[in-house]
Amino acid sequence: MTDFADEQGSELQRKARSLAVVALVETVTYLVLAYCWLIARSDAGTAITGFFHGLIWMAFVGMTVLIREDIGWTWGYVALVVVTGPVGGVLVWARLRRTPRAELAAPRPRPEGR
């Protein structure tokens, strides 16, 4: 069942699609930050890119934590993608690409007592 009349996907599919985009953007901003810091040696570029990368990283972490239970990820996997930084963004993106669409269509049943 769809959540919106004009949309074919479920809410979880929309969340997963958004998380995949943010995961890739997080990785790209990290690479730009590394370039500004290590290669260009630009203090202004590092400060500006670092600010935006930090905001995007916090959004990535928040989205990962919020989708964790609905998609069935463990806290260990969430900790892995958060600690590994840009590699974690690629891991999340790849895992969401491999997840079958049917698995994202129906919400998972919640355990009793929660």
Protein backbone atom coordinates (compact mmCIF):
# COMPACT_ATOMS: atom_id res chain seq x y z
CA MET A 1 0.00 0.00 0.00
CA THR A 2 1.34 3.39 -0.92
CA ASP A 3 1.47 6.29 1.50
CA PHE A 4 0.78 8.95 -1.12
CA ALA A 5 -1.69 8.78 -4.02
CA ASP A 6 0.82 9.87 -6.67
CA GLU A 7 3.70 7.74 -5.42
CA GLN A 8 4.24 4.04 -6.09
CA GLY A 9 6.71 3.41 -3.25
CA SER A 10 6.34 3.10 0.49
CA GLU A 11 7.65 5.50 3.12
CA LEU A 12 10.56 3.14 3.82
CA GLN A 13 11.53 3.17 0.14
CA ARG A 14 11.57 6.96 0.15
CA LYS A 15 13.69 7.01 3.32
CA ALA A 16 16.10 4.47 1.83
CA ARG A 17 16.42 6.45 -1.40
CA SER A 18 17.15 9.65 0.54
CA LEU A 19 19.70 7.88 2.75
CA ALA A 20 21.48 6.47 -0.31
CA VAL A 21 21.84 9.97 -1.77
CA VAL A 22 23.07 11.45 1.53
CA ALA A 23 25.53 8.56 1.92
CA LEU A 24 27.11 9.34 -1.45
CA VAL A 25 27.15 13.09 -0.81
CA GLU A 26 28.86 12.44 2.54
CA THR A 27 31.59 10.46 0.82
CA VAL A 28 32.08 13.09 -1.88
CA THR A 29 32.32 15.93 0.64
CA TYR A 30 34.91 13.94 2.59
CA LEU A 31 36.99 13.53 -0.56
CA VAL A 32 36.73 17.26 -1.31
CA LEU A 33 37.72 18.00 2.29
CA ALA A 34 40.72 15.69 2.01
CA TYR A 35 41.74 17.42 -1.23
CA CYS A 36 41.49 20.90 0.34
CA TRP A 37 43.40 19.79 3.43
CA LEU A 38 46.12 17.57 1.95
CA ILE A 39 46.68 18.62 -1.64
CA ALA A 40 45.54 22.22 -2.06
CA ARG A 41 46.56 23.15 1.50
CA SER A 42 43.89 25.81 1.60
CA ASP A 43 42.85 26.88 5.09
CA ALA A 44 39.74 28.66 3.83
CA GLY A 45 38.77 25.71 1.61
CA THR A 46 39.32 23.29 4.46
CA ALA A 47 37.22 25.38 6.86
CA ILE A 48 34.32 25.83 4.45
CA THR A 49 34.33 22.26 3.17
CA GLY A 50 34.75 20.91 6.70
CA PHE A 51 31.72 22.87 7.88
CA PHE A 52 29.49 21.48 5.14
CA HIS A 53 30.92 17.98 5.46
CA GLY A 54 30.17 18.04 9.20
CA LEU A 55 26.55 19.02 8.59
CA ILE A 56 26.12 16.31 5.96
CA TRP A 57 27.82 13.73 8.19
CA MET A 58 25.45 14.52 11.06
CA ALA A 59 22.48 14.16 8.70
CA PHE A 60 23.90 10.83 7.49
CA VAL A 61 24.30 9.54 11.06
CA GLY A 62 20.82 10.69 12.06
CA MET A 63 19.19 9.14 9.00
CA THR A 64 21.07 5.88 9.52
CA VAL A 65 19.97 5.66 13.16
CA LEU A 66 16.36 6.49 12.31
CA ILE A 67 16.04 3.93 9.51
CA ARG A 68 17.93 1.18 11.39
CA GLU A 69 14.97 -0.54 13.03
CA ASP A 70 12.64 -0.34 10.03
CA ILE A 71 15.18 -1.83 7.67
CA GLY A 72 16.50 -4.43 10.11
CA TRP A 73 20.09 -3.26 10.58
CA THR A 74 21.94 -4.04 13.80
CA TRP A 75 23.52 -1.45 16.06
CA GLY A 76 26.88 -3.01 15.18
CA TYR A 77 26.38 -2.23 11.49
CA VAL A 78 25.30 1.32 12.30
CA ALA A 79 28.41 1.78 14.47
CA LEU A 80 30.57 0.40 11.66
CA VAL A 81 29.25 2.83 9.04
CA VAL A 82 29.47 5.80 11.42
CA VAL A 83 33.04 5.06 12.56
CA THR A 84 34.41 4.30 9.09
CA GLY A 85 33.32 7.67 7.69
CA PRO A 86 33.36 7.84 3.89
CA VAL A 87 33.74 4.07 3.58
CA GLY A 88 30.58 3.77 5.67
CA GLY A 89 28.75 5.98 3.20
CA VAL A 90 29.73 3.64 0.37
CA LEU A 91 28.73 0.61 2.49
CA VAL A 92 25.27 2.06 3.13
CA TRP A 93 24.81 3.03 -0.51
CA ALA A 94 25.83 -0.44 -1.72
CA ARG A 95 23.67 -2.23 0.84
CA LEU A 96 20.62 -0.18 -0.07
CA ARG A 97 21.23 -0.87 -3.76
CA ARG A 98 21.34 -4.64 -3.04
CA THR A 99 18.22 -4.63 -0.85
CA PRO A 100 15.25 -5.94 -2.85
CA ARG A 101 12.50 -3.40 -3.44
CA ALA A 102 9.90 -5.82 -2.07
CA GLU A 103 11.75 -5.93 1.26
CA LEU A 104 11.44 -2.16 1.55
CA ALA A 105 7.77 -2.14 0.52
CA ALA A 106 6.27 -3.64 3.66
CA PRO A 107 7.23 -2.42 7.14
CA ARG A 108 8.81 -5.03 9.39
CA PRO A 109 6.69 -6.26 12.29
CA ARG A 110 7.85 -4.85 15.62
CA PRO A 111 8.64 -7.27 18.45
CA GLU A 112 6.10 -7.46 21.27
CA GLY A 113 6.66 -5.17 24.22
CA ARG A 114 8.09 -2.21 22.28
